[in-house]
Amino acid sequence: MDLEERIYRVNGLDMNVVTAGSGPVVLLVHGFPDTHDVWRKQIPVLVEAGYRVIAPDTRGCGASQMPGRVSDYHIDHLVED
């Protein structure tokens, strides 16, 4: 299975996003302080079932950019991303 990993500019931050498969989209969002890697076992199963998986590293996690202020991690910003 081929995973595509790219950096996207989202809300002024560089965010790492992994995608795989085709079909209806499933968005997998990890908790703090994890990364998209927590979905490593689910991604192949979802792709095999015919879904397109999108799994970002949320702000400050994994290969995504880390904002400097605590207020940058408010839930409103995470939802906007």
N, C-alpha and C. Protein backbone atom coordinates (compact mmCIF):
# COMPACT_ATOMS: atom_id res chain seq x y z
N MET A 1 0.84 -1.17 0.00
CA MET A 1 0.00 0.00 0.00
C MET A 1 0.89 1.24 0.00
N ASP A 2 0.56 2.19 -0.85
CA ASP A 2 1.33 3.42 -0.95
C ASP A 2 0.72 4.52 -0.11
N LEU A 3 1.50 5.04 0.82
CA LEU A 3 1.11 6.21 1.60
C LEU A 3 1.75 7.43 0.96
N GLU A 4 0.96 8.48 0.80
CA GLU A 4 1.52 9.74 0.32
C GLU A 4 1.62 10.67 1.51
N GLU A 5 2.81 11.21 1.73
CA GLU A 5 3.03 12.14 2.84
C GLU A 5 3.46 13.48 2.26
N ARG A 6 2.69 14.52 2.57
CA ARG A 6 2.97 15.86 2.02
C ARG A 6 2.80 16.91 3.10
N ILE A 7 3.44 18.03 2.87
CA ILE A 7 3.28 19.20 3.74
C ILE A 7 2.31 20.15 3.04
N TYR A 8 1.26 20.55 3.77
CA TYR A 8 0.27 21.50 3.28
C TYR A 8 0.32 22.74 4.16
N ARG A 9 0.09 23.89 3.56
CA ARG A 9 0.00 25.15 4.32
C ARG A 9 -1.45 25.29 4.77
N VAL A 10 -1.70 25.23 6.08
CA VAL A 10 -3.05 25.28 6.64
C VAL A 10 -3.07 26.34 7.74
N ASN A 11 -3.91 27.33 7.59
CA ASN A 11 -4.04 28.39 8.61
C ASN A 11 -2.69 28.98 9.02
N GLY A 12 -1.81 29.16 8.04
CA GLY A 12 -0.52 29.78 8.29
C GLY A 12 0.55 28.84 8.83
N LEU A 13 0.24 27.54 8.93
CA LEU A 13 1.20 26.57 9.45
C LEU A 13 1.49 25.50 8.40
N ASP A 14 2.70 24.94 8.43
CA ASP A 14 3.03 23.80 7.59
C ASP A 14 2.61 22.54 8.31
N MET A 15 1.64 21.82 7.72
CA MET A 15 1.11 20.63 8.37
C MET A 15 1.39 19.39 7.53
N ASN A 16 1.89 18.37 8.17
CA ASN A 16 2.16 17.09 7.54
C ASN A 16 0.86 16.29 7.45
N VAL A 17 0.57 15.76 6.26
CA VAL A 17 -0.66 15.00 6.05
C VAL A 17 -0.34 13.73 5.26
N VAL A 18 -0.84 12.61 5.76
CA VAL A 18 -0.68 11.32 5.08
C VAL A 18 -2.01 10.97 4.43
N THR A 19 -1.96 10.53 3.16
CA THR A 19 -3.16 10.08 2.46
C THR A 19 -2.88 8.73 1.82
N ALA A 20 -3.96 7.98 1.64
CA ALA A 20 -3.84 6.67 0.99
C ALA A 20 -5.21 6.26 0.47
N GLY A 21 -5.23 5.48 -0.59
CA GLY A 21 -6.46 4.90 -1.10
C GLY A 21 -7.29 5.84 -1.95
N SER A 22 -8.47 5.34 -2.31
CA SER A 22 -9.44 6.13 -3.08
C SER A 22 -10.83 5.69 -2.67
N GLY A 23 -11.79 6.55 -2.92
CA GLY A 23 -13.17 6.26 -2.53
C GLY A 23 -13.65 7.29 -1.53
N PRO A 24 -14.70 6.97 -0.79
CA PRO A 24 -15.20 7.90 0.24
C PRO A 24 -14.09 8.21 1.24
N VAL A 25 -14.07 9.45 1.72
CA VAL A 25 -13.00 9.92 2.60
C VAL A 25 -13.28 9.57 4.06
N VAL A 26 -12.22 9.09 4.71
CA VAL A 26 -12.22 8.89 6.16
C VAL A 26 -11.11 9.77 6.72
N LEU A 27 -11.46 10.67 7.63
CA LEU A 27 -10.48 11.55 8.27
C LEU A 27 -10.12 10.96 9.62
N LEU A 28 -8.84 10.69 9.82
CA LEU A 28 -8.35 10.14 11.08
C LEU A 28 -7.56 11.21 11.81
N VAL A 29 -8.03 11.62 12.98
CA VAL A 29 -7.37 12.68 13.75
C VAL A 29 -6.91 12.11 15.08
N HIS A 30 -5.62 12.19 15.33
CA HIS A 30 -5.03 11.67 16.56
C HIS A 30 -5.21 12.65 17.71
N GLY A 31 -4.94 12.19 18.91
CA GLY A 31 -4.93 13.05 20.10
C GLY A 31 -3.53 13.54 20.41
N PHE A 32 -3.41 14.35 21.43
CA PHE A 32 -2.12 14.89 21.85
C PHE A 32 -1.44 13.89 22.76
N PRO A 33 -0.19 13.65 22.61
CA PRO A 33 0.81 14.21 21.72
C PRO A 33 1.18 13.26 20.59
N ASP A 34 0.24 12.47 20.12
CA ASP A 34 0.52 11.45 19.10
C ASP A 34 0.74 12.05 17.72
N THR A 35 0.88 11.17 16.72
CA THR A 35 1.01 11.55 15.32
C THR A 35 0.10 10.66 14.49
N HIS A 36 0.13 10.86 13.18
CA HIS A 36 -0.66 10.01 12.28
C HIS A 36 -0.29 8.54 12.42
N ASP A 37 0.88 8.27 12.97
CA ASP A 37 1.36 6.89 13.08
C ASP A 37 0.47 6.03 13.99
N VAL A 38 -0.32 6.63 14.86
CA VAL A 38 -1.21 5.82 15.71
C VAL A 38 -2.24 5.07 14.87
N TRP A 39 -2.43 5.50 13.62
CA TRP A 39 -3.42 4.87 12.72
C TRP A 39 -2.78 3.85 11.79
N ARG A 40 -1.51 3.49 12.00
CA ARG A 40 -0.78 2.62 11.07
C ARG A 40 -1.47 1.28 10.81
N LYS A 41 -2.20 0.76 11.78
CA LYS A 41 -2.89 -0.52 11.58
C LYS A 41 -4.26 -0.34 10.95
N GLN A 42 -4.91 0.79 11.19
CA GLN A 42 -6.23 1.05 10.64
C GLN A 42 -6.19 1.49 9.19
N ILE A 43 -5.15 2.23 8.79
CA ILE A 43 -5.08 2.76 7.43
C ILE A 43 -5.15 1.65 6.38
N PRO A 44 -4.33 0.61 6.45
CA PRO A 44 -4.40 -0.43 5.42
C PRO A 44 -5.77 -1.12 5.36
N VAL A 45 -6.39 -1.32 6.50
CA VAL A 45 -7.70 -1.98 6.53
C VAL A 45 -8.75 -1.10 5.86
N LEU A 46 -8.71 0.20 6.14
CA LEU A 46 -9.67 1.13 5.52
C LEU A 46 -9.45 1.24 4.02
N VAL A 47 -8.19 1.30 3.59
CA VAL A 47 -7.88 1.36 2.16
C VAL A 47 -8.36 0.09 1.46
N GLU A 48 -8.12 -1.04 2.06
CA GLU A 48 -8.57 -2.33 1.50
C GLU A 48 -10.10 -2.38 1.38
N ALA A 49 -10.78 -1.69 2.30
CA ALA A 49 -12.24 -1.66 2.28
C ALA A 49 -12.80 -0.63 1.28
N GLY A 50 -11.90 0.08 0.59
CA GLY A 50 -12.33 1.00 -0.46
C GLY A 50 -12.46 2.46 -0.06
N TYR A 51 -11.77 2.85 1.00
CA TYR A 51 -11.82 4.24 1.46
C TYR A 51 -10.54 4.99 1.13
N ARG A 52 -10.66 6.31 1.05
CA ARG A 52 -9.51 7.20 0.96
C ARG A 52 -9.28 7.73 2.37
N VAL A 53 -8.09 7.53 2.89
CA VAL A 53 -7.76 7.92 4.25
C VAL A 53 -6.93 9.20 4.24
N ILE A 54 -7.30 10.13 5.10
CA ILE A 54 -6.54 11.36 5.31
C ILE A 54 -6.20 11.40 6.79
N ALA A 55 -4.90 11.46 7.10
CA ALA A 55 -4.45 11.42 8.50
C ALA A 55 -3.39 12.51 8.72
N PRO A 56 -3.80 13.67 9.22
CA PRO A 56 -2.84 14.74 9.46
C PRO A 56 -2.11 14.58 10.79
N ASP A 57 -0.92 15.15 10.87
CA ASP A 57 -0.28 15.40 12.15
C ASP A 57 -0.82 16.76 12.59
N THR A 58 -1.51 16.82 13.72
CA THR A 58 -2.07 18.09 14.16
C THR A 58 -0.96 19.07 14.53
N ARG A 59 -1.31 20.33 14.65
CA ARG A 59 -0.32 21.37 14.92
C ARG A 59 0.54 21.02 16.14
N GLY A 60 1.84 21.16 15.95
CA GLY A 60 2.78 20.90 17.03
C GLY A 60 3.13 19.43 17.22
N CYS A 61 2.57 18.55 16.42
CA CYS A 61 2.83 17.12 16.58
C CYS A 61 3.48 16.56 15.30
N GLY A 62 4.31 15.54 15.48
CA GLY A 62 4.93 14.89 14.33
C GLY A 62 5.73 15.87 13.50
N ALA A 63 5.52 15.81 12.18
CA ALA A 63 6.26 16.66 11.26
C ALA A 63 5.54 17.98 10.96
N SER A 64 4.44 18.25 11.66
CA SER A 64 3.73 19.53 11.49
C SER A 64 4.43 20.62 12.29
N GLN A 65 4.27 21.84 11.81
CA GLN A 65 4.91 22.99 12.45
C GLN A 65 4.41 23.18 13.88
N MET A 66 5.30 23.64 14.75
CA MET A 66 4.98 23.85 16.16
C MET A 66 4.87 25.34 16.46
N PRO A 67 3.63 25.85 16.63
CA PRO A 67 3.49 27.26 17.01
C PRO A 67 4.10 27.50 18.39
N GLY A 68 4.51 28.73 18.65
CA GLY A 68 5.24 29.04 19.87
C GLY A 68 4.42 29.38 21.10
N ARG A 69 3.16 29.78 20.92
CA ARG A 69 2.36 30.22 22.07
C ARG A 69 1.38 29.15 22.50
N VAL A 70 1.14 29.05 23.78
CA VAL A 70 0.17 28.09 24.30
C VAL A 70 -1.22 28.37 23.70
N SER A 71 -1.56 29.62 23.53
CA SER A 71 -2.87 29.98 22.99
C SER A 71 -3.07 29.49 21.55
N ASP A 72 -1.97 29.19 20.86
CA ASP A 72 -2.06 28.67 19.48
C ASP A 72 -2.64 27.26 19.44
N TYR A 73 -2.77 26.62 20.60
CA TYR A 73 -3.27 25.24 20.67
C TYR A 73 -4.70 25.17 21.20
N HIS A 74 -5.36 26.33 21.28
CA HIS A 74 -6.76 26.35 21.73
C HIS A 74 -7.60 25.49 20.80
N ILE A 75 -8.60 24.85 21.33
CA ILE A 75 -9.44 23.92 20.56
C ILE A 75 -10.00 24.58 19.29
N ASP A 76 -10.29 25.87 19.35
CA ASP A 76 -10.82 26.55 18.16
C ASP A 76 -9.82 26.49 17.01
N HIS A 77 -8.54 26.64 17.30
CA HIS A 77 -7.51 26.57 16.25
C HIS A 77 -7.38 25.15 15.72
N LEU A 78 -7.43 24.19 16.61
CA LEU A 78 -7.33 22.79 16.18
C LEU A 78 -8.50 22.42 15.26
N VAL A 79 -9.68 22.87 15.58
CA VAL A 79 -10.86 22.59 14.75
C VAL A 79 -10.74 23.30 13.40
N GLU A 80 -10.25 24.54 13.40
CA GLU A 80 -10.09 25.29 12.15
C GLU A 80 -9.12 24.58 11.21
N ASP A 81 -8.07 24.00 11.78
CA ASP A 81 -7.09 23.28 10.95
C ASP A 81 -7.75 22.15 10.21
